[in-house]
Amino acid sequence: MSPVYEIERQDNMEIRQLILDISYVEWKKLGFSKGTLHDLKRRARVDKPFSLNKHVQERLNQWEQLVRKVDTDE
């Protein structure tokens, strides 16, 4: 008998599109590494599953609020 378990995928189409839509300038303004975004974009373009580190997933989940905050501060 094999164990039954489900793994929740982190790489749905919404996340992939969000990653591809983020500009390097906005990402850097918020103090994040350009290399991290480059790697995320590379993985988002390929049609293979990928996972996200917890801190990166938190950034992506809060992306719109972070960008709005930076825009209003300028």
Protein backbone atom coordinates (compact mmCIF):
# COMPACT_ATOMS: atom_id res chain seq x y z
CA MET A 1 0.00 0.00 0.00
CA SER A 2 1.48 3.36 -0.97
CA PRO A 3 0.92 6.57 0.99
CA VAL A 4 -1.59 9.03 -0.39
CA TYR A 5 -0.57 12.65 -0.24
CA GLU A 6 -1.00 15.79 -2.25
CA ILE A 7 1.58 18.44 -2.87
CA GLU A 8 0.22 21.93 -3.33
CA ARG A 9 1.88 23.46 -6.37
CA GLN A 10 3.34 26.92 -6.02
CA ASP A 11 3.83 27.49 -9.73
CA ASN A 12 0.33 28.16 -10.98
CA MET A 13 -0.24 30.34 -14.03
CA GLU A 14 -1.06 33.44 -11.95
CA ILE A 15 2.28 33.28 -10.15
CA ARG A 16 4.13 32.62 -13.40
CA GLN A 17 2.49 35.65 -15.06
CA LEU A 18 3.14 37.85 -12.02
CA ILE A 19 6.83 36.93 -12.11
CA LEU A 20 7.07 37.65 -15.83
CA ASP A 21 5.33 41.04 -15.40
CA ILE A 22 7.66 42.33 -12.65
CA SER A 23 10.19 44.84 -13.92
CA TYR A 24 13.79 44.68 -12.78
CA VAL A 25 13.67 48.37 -11.80
CA GLU A 26 10.69 47.89 -9.44
CA TRP A 27 12.27 44.75 -7.97
CA LYS A 28 15.56 46.55 -7.29
CA LYS A 29 13.79 49.63 -5.84
CA LEU A 30 12.39 47.39 -3.15
CA GLY A 31 15.88 46.15 -2.32
CA PHE A 32 15.64 42.68 -3.81
CA SER A 33 18.33 40.93 -5.81
CA LYS A 34 18.26 41.23 -9.60
CA GLY A 35 19.69 37.70 -9.81
CA THR A 36 16.76 36.29 -7.85
CA LEU A 37 14.26 37.85 -10.25
CA HIS A 38 16.28 36.69 -13.25
CA ASP A 39 16.19 33.11 -11.96
CA LEU A 40 12.46 33.34 -11.21
CA LYS A 41 11.73 34.62 -14.72
CA ARG A 42 13.85 31.88 -16.28
CA ARG A 43 11.95 29.19 -14.37
CA ALA A 44 8.55 30.82 -15.04
CA ARG A 45 9.09 30.72 -18.82
CA VAL A 46 9.69 26.96 -18.87
CA ASP A 47 6.69 24.66 -18.62
CA LYS A 48 8.14 22.62 -15.75
CA PRO A 49 7.07 22.71 -12.10
CA PHE A 50 9.19 24.79 -9.75
CA SER A 51 9.10 25.74 -6.11
CA LEU A 52 9.64 29.04 -4.36
CA ASN A 53 11.57 29.77 -1.20
CA LYS A 54 9.31 30.97 1.59
CA HIS A 55 10.70 34.53 1.63
CA VAL A 56 10.35 34.85 -2.16
CA GLN A 57 6.79 33.54 -2.06
CA GLU A 58 5.95 36.09 0.65
CA ARG A 59 7.33 38.89 -1.56
CA LEU A 60 5.28 37.74 -4.52
CA ASN A 61 2.12 37.46 -2.40
CA GLN A 62 2.61 41.06 -1.21
CA TRP A 63 3.95 42.43 -4.50
CA GLU A 64 1.09 44.79 -5.36
CA GLN A 65 1.06 46.35 -1.89
CA LEU A 66 4.86 46.80 -1.94
CA VAL A 67 4.82 48.48 -5.36
CA ARG A 68 1.95 50.79 -4.40
CA LYS A 69 3.78 51.80 -1.22
CA VAL A 70 6.97 52.68 -3.12
CA ASP A 71 5.01 54.63 -5.73
CA THR A 72 3.20 56.73 -3.11
CA ASP A 73 6.43 57.40 -1.19
CA GLU A 74 8.08 59.03 -4.24
